[in-house]
Amino acid sequence: MGYIQEARENHVKKKVEEALRSKMKHKALQECKDLASKYAECSYGRTISVVWQCRQQAKELNECLHQFTNDDVLEEMKRAYMLQQDGRVPA
């Protein structure tokens, strides 16, 4: 695939990109909901101490979320969207 074709496939409108980001974040939260629950449970009833008391849970949650919310994932979602819009992939 040529550079111009690839650039075109990766270019989407701002609103579409925002919607894809939202979808990406929602999927990440669904995939990491167990770790999010553990972090929420740890932080319950805490204020300032949550920073050091829940450090491990926060780290694990962030690592999980990063797997599903990074530039590579977004670019793949954009590519799939553009292919779908071109009619190459069924909806």
C-alpha atoms as a PDB file:
ATOM      1  CA  MET A   1       0.000   0.000   0.000  1.00  0.00           C
ATOM      2  CA  GLY A   2       1.381   3.365  -0.964  1.00  0.00           C
ATOM      3  CA  TYR A   3       2.049   6.210   1.436  1.00  0.00           C
ATOM      4  CA  ILE A   4      -0.776   8.387   0.060  1.00  0.00           C
ATOM      5  CA  GLN A   5      -3.344   5.590   0.311  1.00  0.00           C
ATOM      6  CA  GLU A   6      -2.237   4.780   3.846  1.00  0.00           C
ATOM      7  CA  ALA A   7      -2.400   8.448   4.863  1.00  0.00           C
ATOM      8  CA  ARG A   8      -5.901   8.722   3.415  1.00  0.00           C
ATOM      9  CA  GLU A   9      -7.056   5.644   5.296  1.00  0.00           C
ATOM     10  CA  ASN A  10      -5.699   6.996   8.569  1.00  0.00           C
ATOM     11  CA  HIS A  11      -7.276  10.441   8.147  1.00  0.00           C
ATOM     12  CA  VAL A  12     -10.700  10.808   9.709  1.00  0.00           C
ATOM     13  CA  LYS A  13     -12.768  13.799  10.695  1.00  0.00           C
ATOM     14  CA  LYS A  14     -12.320  15.265  14.162  1.00  0.00           C
ATOM     15  CA  LYS A  15     -15.785  14.169  15.340  1.00  0.00           C
ATOM     16  CA  VAL A  16     -15.196  10.642  14.096  1.00  0.00           C
ATOM     17  CA  GLU A  17     -11.846  10.512  15.875  1.00  0.00           C
ATOM     18  CA  GLU A  18     -13.473  11.718  19.097  1.00  0.00           C
ATOM     19  CA  ALA A  19     -16.120   8.996  18.771  1.00  0.00           C
ATOM     20  CA  LEU A  20     -13.436   6.372  18.145  1.00  0.00           C
ATOM     21  CA  ARG A  21     -11.476   7.578  21.185  1.00  0.00           C
ATOM     22  CA  SER A  22     -14.607   7.342  23.297  1.00  0.00           C
ATOM     23  CA  LYS A  23     -15.273   3.817  22.032  1.00  0.00           C
ATOM     24  CA  MET A  24     -11.636   2.888  22.720  1.00  0.00           C
ATOM     25  CA  LYS A  25     -11.845   4.205  26.304  1.00  0.00           C
ATOM     26  CA  HIS A  26     -15.137   2.416  26.926  1.00  0.00           C
ATOM     27  CA  LYS A  27     -13.668  -0.875  25.704  1.00  0.00           C
ATOM     28  CA  ALA A  28     -10.592  -0.369  27.887  1.00  0.00           C
ATOM     29  CA  LEU A  29     -12.717   0.216  30.976  1.00  0.00           C
ATOM     30  CA  GLN A  30     -14.743  -2.910  30.199  1.00  0.00           C
ATOM     31  CA  GLU A  31     -11.581  -4.990  29.742  1.00  0.00           C
ATOM     32  CA  CYS A  32     -10.021  -3.647  32.950  1.00  0.00           C
ATOM     33  CA  LYS A  33     -13.128  -3.513  35.135  1.00  0.00           C
ATOM     34  CA  ASP A  34     -11.771  -5.997  37.688  1.00  0.00           C
ATOM     35  CA  LEU A  35      -8.676  -3.875  38.259  1.00  0.00           C
ATOM     36  CA  ALA A  36     -10.801  -0.720  38.364  1.00  0.00           C
ATOM     37  CA  SER A  37     -12.939  -2.326  41.062  1.00  0.00           C
ATOM     38  CA  LYS A  38      -9.850  -3.252  43.083  1.00  0.00           C
ATOM     39  CA  TYR A  39      -8.577   0.324  42.849  1.00  0.00           C
ATOM     40  CA  ALA A  40     -11.982   1.737  43.805  1.00  0.00           C
ATOM     41  CA  GLU A  41     -12.185  -0.655  46.755  1.00  0.00           C
ATOM     42  CA  CYS A  42      -8.726   0.383  47.928  1.00  0.00           C
ATOM     43  CA  SER A  43      -9.479   4.076  47.592  1.00  0.00           C
ATOM     44  CA  TYR A  44     -12.858   3.916  49.343  1.00  0.00           C
ATOM     45  CA  GLY A  45     -12.847   6.145  52.430  1.00  0.00           C
ATOM     46  CA  ARG A  46      -9.417   7.571  51.734  1.00  0.00           C
ATOM     47  CA  THR A  47      -8.371  11.041  50.697  1.00  0.00           C
ATOM     48  CA  ILE A  48      -4.697  11.946  50.509  1.00  0.00           C
ATOM     49  CA  SER A  49      -3.478   8.494  51.589  1.00  0.00           C
ATOM     50  CA  VAL A  50      -4.894   6.920  48.431  1.00  0.00           C
ATOM     51  CA  VAL A  51      -1.703   8.053  46.661  1.00  0.00           C
ATOM     52  CA  TRP A  52       0.585   5.751  48.616  1.00  0.00           C
ATOM     53  CA  GLN A  53      -1.879   3.171  49.944  1.00  0.00           C
ATOM     54  CA  CYS A  54      -3.251   2.254  46.508  1.00  0.00           C
ATOM     55  CA  ARG A  55      -0.130   2.769  44.425  1.00  0.00           C
ATOM     56  CA  GLN A  56       0.083  -0.879  43.320  1.00  0.00           C
ATOM     57  CA  GLN A  57      -3.591  -1.048  42.313  1.00  0.00           C
ATOM     58  CA  ALA A  58      -3.274   2.229  40.386  1.00  0.00           C
ATOM     59  CA  LYS A  59      -0.181   0.952  38.579  1.00  0.00           C
ATOM     60  CA  GLU A  60      -1.891  -2.300  37.586  1.00  0.00           C
ATOM     61  CA  LEU A  61      -4.982  -0.429  36.382  1.00  0.00           C
ATOM     62  CA  ASN A  62      -2.916   2.026  34.331  1.00  0.00           C
ATOM     63  CA  GLU A  63      -0.920  -0.785  32.717  1.00  0.00           C
ATOM     64  CA  CYS A  64      -4.136  -2.567  31.763  1.00  0.00           C
ATOM     65  CA  LEU A  65      -5.763   0.598  30.402  1.00  0.00           C
ATOM     66  CA  HIS A  66      -2.669   1.420  28.358  1.00  0.00           C
ATOM     67  CA  GLN A  67      -2.946  -1.902  26.525  1.00  0.00           C
ATOM     68  CA  PHE A  68      -6.300  -0.768  25.126  1.00  0.00           C
ATOM     69  CA  THR A  69      -5.770   3.007  24.841  1.00  0.00           C
ATOM     70  CA  ASN A  70      -2.651   3.732  22.868  1.00  0.00           C
ATOM     71  CA  ASP A  71      -1.889   5.260  19.476  1.00  0.00           C
ATOM     72  CA  ASP A  72      -1.552   1.882  17.763  1.00  0.00           C
ATOM     73  CA  VAL A  73      -5.040   0.831  18.864  1.00  0.00           C
ATOM     74  CA  LEU A  74      -6.501   4.161  17.732  1.00  0.00           C
ATOM     75  CA  GLU A  75      -4.790   3.937  14.336  1.00  0.00           C
ATOM     76  CA  GLU A  76      -6.155   0.433  13.835  1.00  0.00           C
ATOM     77  CA  MET A  77      -9.651   1.640  14.733  1.00  0.00           C
ATOM     78  CA  LYS A  78      -9.294   4.520  12.242  1.00  0.00           C
ATOM     79  CA  ARG A  79      -8.129   2.121   9.538  1.00  0.00           C
ATOM     80  CA  ALA A  80     -11.064  -0.215  10.188  1.00  0.00           C
ATOM     81  CA  TYR A  81     -13.477   2.727  10.122  1.00  0.00           C
ATOM     82  CA  MET A  82     -12.147   3.990   6.801  1.00  0.00           C
ATOM     83  CA  LEU A  83     -12.297   0.514   5.252  1.00  0.00           C
ATOM     84  CA  GLN A  84     -15.877   0.154   6.481  1.00  0.00           C
ATOM     85  CA  GLN A  85     -16.774   3.551   4.980  1.00  0.00           C
ATOM     86  CA  ASP A  86     -15.262   2.513   1.659  1.00  0.00           C
ATOM     87  CA  GLY A  87     -17.460  -0.580   1.689  1.00  0.00           C
ATOM     88  CA  ARG A  88     -14.599  -3.054   1.873  1.00  0.00           C
ATOM     89  CA  VAL A  89     -15.624  -4.463   5.232  1.00  0.00           C
ATOM     90  CA  PRO A  90     -19.231  -5.274   6.140  1.00  0.00           C
ATOM     91  CA  ALA A  91     -20.690  -3.231   9.013  1.00  0.00           C
END
